[in-house]
């Protein structure tokens, strides 16, 4: 054999399957998990609104207000991570459909947070539960589309 043991022992990590997986995980979009978590919290707010509507136990109205508030905070963190995805080149372009749905749901939920700051029954019925239902529908559609607000950049894509 004409080549040495050192040449046989070296290999290109980027050509192997594990190297490709490492590159893909390093380039994964940061905002997706936070969008999903925020969406789940806002959808849970609709669930607690429905429970409050059927039971009239005031603590369910409090749970709704807390879930909506924390859902909005997590969604705000996701928005910051989306900007980071674009700034670092992880995201190729905006997924317009999902972006519009999640943004509309976040704005409805922001209004809903102010509605939920009222006294118990009027915080949920009728405006609070309606706003929660509308944002839930939008978030379920966005969730079915994959919770991604940006399309990730493929290795060969131009900037």
C-alpha atoms as a PDB file:
ATOM      1  CA  UNK A   1       0.000   0.000   0.000  1.00  0.00           C
ATOM      2  CA  UNK A   2       1.278   3.397  -0.896  1.00  0.00           C
ATOM      3  CA  UNK A   3      -0.470   5.534   1.741  1.00  0.00           C
ATOM      4  CA  UNK A   4       0.324   5.668   5.426  1.00  0.00           C
ATOM      5  CA  UNK A   5      -1.739   4.756   8.475  1.00  0.00           C
ATOM      6  CA  UNK A   6      -2.232   8.463   9.250  1.00  0.00           C
ATOM      7  CA  UNK A   7      -3.955   9.011   5.946  1.00  0.00           C
ATOM      8  CA  UNK A   8      -6.257   6.056   6.581  1.00  0.00           C
ATOM      9  CA  UNK A   9      -7.153   7.321  10.055  1.00  0.00           C
ATOM     10  CA  UNK A  10      -8.158  10.792   8.909  1.00  0.00           C
ATOM     11  CA  UNK A  11     -11.638  11.460   7.627  1.00  0.00           C
ATOM     12  CA  UNK A  12     -13.752  14.453   6.842  1.00  0.00           C
ATOM     13  CA  UNK A  13     -16.388  14.882   9.547  1.00  0.00           C
ATOM     14  CA  UNK A  14     -18.567  17.059   7.322  1.00  0.00           C
ATOM     15  CA  UNK A  15     -18.919  14.185   4.828  1.00  0.00           C
ATOM     16  CA  UNK A  16     -20.089  11.665   7.407  1.00  0.00           C
ATOM     17  CA  UNK A  17     -23.685  11.280   8.520  1.00  0.00           C
ATOM     18  CA  UNK A  18     -22.913  12.408  12.064  1.00  0.00           C
ATOM     19  CA  UNK A  19     -21.207  15.526  10.737  1.00  0.00           C
ATOM     20  CA  UNK A  20     -24.261  16.407   8.689  1.00  0.00           C
ATOM     21  CA  UNK A  21     -26.471  15.914  11.727  1.00  0.00           C
ATOM     22  CA  UNK A  22     -24.181  18.133  13.794  1.00  0.00           C
ATOM     23  CA  UNK A  23     -24.290  20.848  11.125  1.00  0.00           C
ATOM     24  CA  UNK A  24     -28.076  20.621  10.863  1.00  0.00           C
ATOM     25  CA  UNK A  25     -28.557  20.890  14.618  1.00  0.00           C
ATOM     26  CA  UNK A  26     -26.155  23.830  14.787  1.00  0.00           C
ATOM     27  CA  UNK A  27     -28.147  25.598  12.060  1.00  0.00           C
ATOM     28  CA  UNK A  28     -31.620  24.758  13.462  1.00  0.00           C
ATOM     29  CA  UNK A  29     -34.029  27.647  13.891  1.00  0.00           C
ATOM     30  CA  UNK A  30     -34.083  28.916  17.463  1.00  0.00           C
ATOM     31  CA  UNK A  31     -37.614  30.324  17.603  1.00  0.00           C
ATOM     32  CA  UNK A  32     -39.660  27.207  16.780  1.00  0.00           C
ATOM     33  CA  UNK A  33     -39.806  25.698  20.269  1.00  0.00           C
ATOM     34  CA  UNK A  34     -40.706  28.991  21.875  1.00  0.00           C
ATOM     35  CA  UNK A  35     -43.480  29.657  19.360  1.00  0.00           C
ATOM     36  CA  UNK A  36     -44.887  26.205  20.128  1.00  0.00           C
ATOM     37  CA  UNK A  37     -44.655  26.703  23.890  1.00  0.00           C
ATOM     38  CA  UNK A  38     -46.261  30.142  23.736  1.00  0.00           C
ATOM     39  CA  UNK A  39     -48.996  28.789  21.497  1.00  0.00           C
ATOM     40  CA  UNK A  40     -49.743  25.931  23.875  1.00  0.00           C
ATOM     41  CA  UNK A  41     -50.038  28.346  26.800  1.00  0.00           C
ATOM     42  CA  UNK A  42     -52.433  30.595  24.876  1.00  0.00           C
ATOM     43  CA  UNK A  43     -54.512  27.588  23.797  1.00  0.00           C
ATOM     44  CA  UNK A  44     -54.611  26.406  27.427  1.00  0.00           C
ATOM     45  CA  UNK A  45     -56.003  29.851  28.290  1.00  0.00           C
ATOM     46  CA  UNK A  46     -58.966  29.067  26.043  1.00  0.00           C
ATOM     47  CA  UNK A  47     -59.434  25.759  27.879  1.00  0.00           C
ATOM     48  CA  UNK A  48     -59.516  27.463  31.270  1.00  0.00           C
ATOM     49  CA  UNK A  49     -61.923  30.081  29.887  1.00  0.00           C
ATOM     50  CA  UNK A  50     -64.276  27.270  28.885  1.00  0.00           C
ATOM     51  CA  UNK A  51     -63.989  25.685  32.321  1.00  0.00           C
ATOM     52  CA  UNK A  52     -64.711  29.036  33.985  1.00  0.00           C
ATOM     53  CA  UNK A  53     -67.733  29.540  31.728  1.00  0.00           C
ATOM     54  CA  UNK A  54     -69.220  26.196  32.823  1.00  0.00           C
ATOM     55  CA  UNK A  55     -68.293  26.306  36.535  1.00  0.00           C
ATOM     56  CA  UNK A  56     -68.130  30.043  37.426  1.00  0.00           C
ATOM     57  CA  UNK A  57     -65.285  29.284  39.870  1.00  0.00           C
ATOM     58  CA  UNK A  58     -63.248  32.508  39.876  1.00  0.00           C
ATOM     59  CA  UNK A  59     -59.885  30.738  40.132  1.00  0.00           C
ATOM     60  CA  UNK A  60     -60.273  29.503  36.533  1.00  0.00           C
ATOM     61  CA  UNK A  61     -60.476  33.113  35.383  1.00  0.00           C
ATOM     62  CA  UNK A  62     -57.200  33.746  37.240  1.00  0.00           C
ATOM     63  CA  UNK A  63     -55.610  30.712  35.562  1.00  0.00           C
ATOM     64  CA  UNK A  64     -56.692  32.080  32.180  1.00  0.00           C
ATOM     65  CA  UNK A  65     -55.137  35.474  32.874  1.00  0.00           C
ATOM     66  CA  UNK A  66     -51.888  33.856  34.034  1.00  0.00           C
ATOM     67  CA  UNK A  67     -51.689  31.489  31.057  1.00  0.00           C
ATOM     68  CA  UNK A  68     -52.333  34.304  28.592  1.00  0.00           C
ATOM     69  CA  UNK A  69     -49.734  36.542  30.235  1.00  0.00           C
ATOM     70  CA  UNK A  70     -47.030  33.865  30.328  1.00  0.00           C
ATOM     71  CA  UNK A  71     -47.938  32.800  26.772  1.00  0.00           C
ATOM     72  CA  UNK A  72     -47.396  36.367  25.589  1.00  0.00           C
ATOM     73  CA  UNK A  73     -44.048  36.574  27.391  1.00  0.00           C
ATOM     74  CA  UNK A  74     -42.861  33.320  25.795  1.00  0.00           C
ATOM     75  CA  UNK A  75     -44.105  34.522  22.394  1.00  0.00           C
ATOM     76  CA  UNK A  76     -42.132  37.753  22.873  1.00  0.00           C
ATOM     77  CA  UNK A  77     -38.999  35.686  23.555  1.00  0.00           C
ATOM     78  CA  UNK A  78     -39.755  33.742  20.357  1.00  0.00           C
ATOM     79  CA  UNK A  79     -39.944  37.033  18.434  1.00  0.00           C
ATOM     80  CA  UNK A  80     -36.489  37.991  19.721  1.00  0.00           C
ATOM     81  CA  UNK A  81     -35.156  34.555  18.728  1.00  0.00           C
ATOM     82  CA  UNK A  82     -36.721  34.966  15.279  1.00  0.00           C
ATOM     83  CA  UNK A  83     -34.748  38.185  14.853  1.00  0.00           C
ATOM     84  CA  UNK A  84     -31.609  36.330  15.949  1.00  0.00           C
ATOM     85  CA  UNK A  85     -32.368  33.594  13.388  1.00  0.00           C
ATOM     86  CA  UNK A  86     -32.453  36.221  10.651  1.00  0.00           C
ATOM     87  CA  UNK A  87     -29.406  38.108  11.968  1.00  0.00           C
ATOM     88  CA  UNK A  88     -27.255  34.969  12.110  1.00  0.00           C
ATOM     89  CA  UNK A  89     -28.395  33.686   8.738  1.00  0.00           C
ATOM     90  CA  UNK A  90     -30.191  30.618  10.087  1.00  0.00           C
ATOM     91  CA  UNK A  91     -33.466  31.735   8.523  1.00  0.00           C
ATOM     92  CA  UNK A  92     -33.695  32.075   4.787  1.00  0.00           C
ATOM     93  CA  UNK A  93     -36.981  33.917   4.439  1.00  0.00           C
ATOM     94  CA  UNK A  94     -40.173  34.619   6.340  1.00  0.00           C
ATOM     95  CA  UNK A  95     -42.947  32.016   6.286  1.00  0.00           C
ATOM     96  CA  UNK A  96     -45.606  34.661   5.652  1.00  0.00           C
ATOM     97  CA  UNK A  97     -48.736  32.587   6.294  1.00  0.00           C
ATOM     98  CA  UNK A  98     -47.650  31.292   9.688  1.00  0.00           C
ATOM     99  CA  UNK A  99     -46.145  34.655  10.623  1.00  0.00           C
ATOM    100  CA  UNK A 100     -49.437  36.472   9.961  1.00  0.00           C
ATOM    101  CA  UNK A 101     -51.445  33.878  11.912  1.00  0.00           C
ATOM    102  CA  UNK A 102     -49.148  33.883  14.953  1.00  0.00           C
ATOM    103  CA  UNK A 103     -48.884  37.690  14.929  1.00  0.00           C
ATOM    104  CA  UNK A 104     -52.676  38.065  14.738  1.00  0.00           C
ATOM    105  CA  UNK A 105     -53.092  35.515  17.555  1.00  0.00           C
ATOM    106  CA  UNK A 106     -50.530  37.394  19.678  1.00  0.00           C
ATOM    107  CA  UNK A 107     -52.292  40.714  19.120  1.00  0.00           C
ATOM    108  CA  UNK A 108     -55.674  39.171  19.947  1.00  0.00           C
ATOM    109  CA  UNK A 109     -54.119  37.642  23.064  1.00  0.00           C
ATOM    110  CA  UNK A 110     -52.682  41.002  24.086  1.00  0.00           C
ATOM    111  CA  UNK A 111     -56.162  42.519  23.897  1.00  0.00           C
ATOM    112  CA  UNK A 112     -57.430  39.427  25.714  1.00  0.00           C
ATOM    113  CA  UNK A 113     -54.944  40.000  28.538  1.00  0.00           C
ATOM    114  CA  UNK A 114     -56.448  43.454  29.079  1.00  0.00           C
ATOM    115  CA  UNK A 115     -59.978  42.003  28.930  1.00  0.00           C
ATOM    116  CA  UNK A 116     -58.989  39.397  31.532  1.00  0.00           C
ATOM    117  CA  UNK A 117     -57.901  42.168  33.898  1.00  0.00           C
ATOM    118  CA  UNK A 118     -61.573  42.923  34.623  1.00  0.00           C
ATOM    119  CA  UNK A 119     -63.594  41.395  37.432  1.00  0.00           C
ATOM    120  CA  UNK A 120     -64.243  37.674  37.226  1.00  0.00           C
ATOM    121  CA  UNK A 121     -67.352  37.061  35.068  1.00  0.00           C
ATOM    122  CA  UNK A 122     -66.868  40.014  32.708  1.00  0.00           C
ATOM    123  CA  UNK A 123     -63.227  39.055  32.197  1.00  0.00           C
ATOM    124  CA  UNK A 124     -64.270  35.891  30.395  1.00  0.00           C
ATOM    125  CA  UNK A 125     -67.851  36.233  29.178  1.00  0.00           C
ATOM    126  CA  UNK A 126     -68.399  37.124  26.344  1.00  0.00           C
ATOM    127  CA  UNK A 127     -65.305  38.977  25.026  1.00  0.00           C
ATOM    128  CA  UNK A 128     -62.585  36.963  26.784  1.00  0.00           C
ATOM    129  CA  UNK A 129     -63.741  33.559  25.604  1.00  0.00           C
ATOM    130  CA  UNK A 130     -64.337  34.868  22.072  1.00  0.00           C
ATOM    131  CA  UNK A 131     -60.822  36.349  21.837  1.00  0.00           C
ATOM    132  CA  UNK A 132     -59.364  33.125  23.266  1.00  0.00           C
ATOM    133  CA  UNK A 133     -61.297  31.054  20.722  1.00  0.00           C
ATOM    134  CA  UNK A 134     -60.139  33.191  17.790  1.00  0.00           C
ATOM    135  CA  UNK A 135     -56.481  33.073  18.860  1.00  0.00           C
ATOM    136  CA  UNK A 136     -56.771  29.308  19.466  1.00  0.00           C
ATOM    137  CA  UNK A 137     -58.062  28.732  15.932  1.00  0.00           C
ATOM    138  CA  UNK A 138     -55.200  30.775  14.469  1.00  0.00           C
ATOM    139  CA  UNK A 139     -52.620  28.988  16.621  1.00  0.00           C
ATOM    140  CA  UNK A 140     -53.944  25.540  15.764  1.00  0.00           C
ATOM    141  CA  UNK A 141     -53.592  26.344  12.067  1.00  0.00           C
ATOM    142  CA  UNK A 142     -50.059  27.672  12.651  1.00  0.00           C
ATOM    143  CA  UNK A 143     -49.241  24.575  14.693  1.00  0.00           C
ATOM    144  CA  UNK A 144     -50.446  22.320  11.897  1.00  0.00           C
ATOM    145  CA  UNK A 145     -48.045  24.179   9.601  1.00  0.00           C
ATOM    146  CA  UNK A 146     -45.100  23.369  11.906  1.00  0.00           C
ATOM    147  CA  UNK A 147     -44.720  26.366  14.274  1.00  0.00           C
ATOM    148  CA  UNK A 148     -41.988  27.829  12.091  1.00  0.00           C
ATOM    149  CA  UNK A 149     -42.183  31.504  11.207  1.00  0.00           C
ATOM    150  CA  UNK A 150     -39.165  31.313   8.926  1.00  0.00           C
ATOM    151  CA  UNK A 151     -37.913  28.874   6.362  1.00  0.00           C
ATOM    152  CA  UNK A 152     -34.462  27.613   7.259  1.00  0.00           C
ATOM    153  CA  UNK A 153     -31.628  28.232   4.873  1.00  0.00           C
ATOM    154  CA  UNK A 154     -30.318  25.193   3.014  1.00  0.00           C
ATOM    155  CA  UNK A 155     -26.518  24.755   2.898  1.00  0.00           C
ATOM    156  CA  UNK A 156     -26.285  25.801  -0.774  1.00  0.00           C
ATOM    157  CA  UNK A 157     -28.676  28.783  -0.608  1.00  0.00           C
ATOM    158  CA  UNK A 158     -27.447  32.266  -1.400  1.00  0.00           C
ATOM    159  CA  UNK A 159     -27.681  34.872   1.383  1.00  0.00           C
END
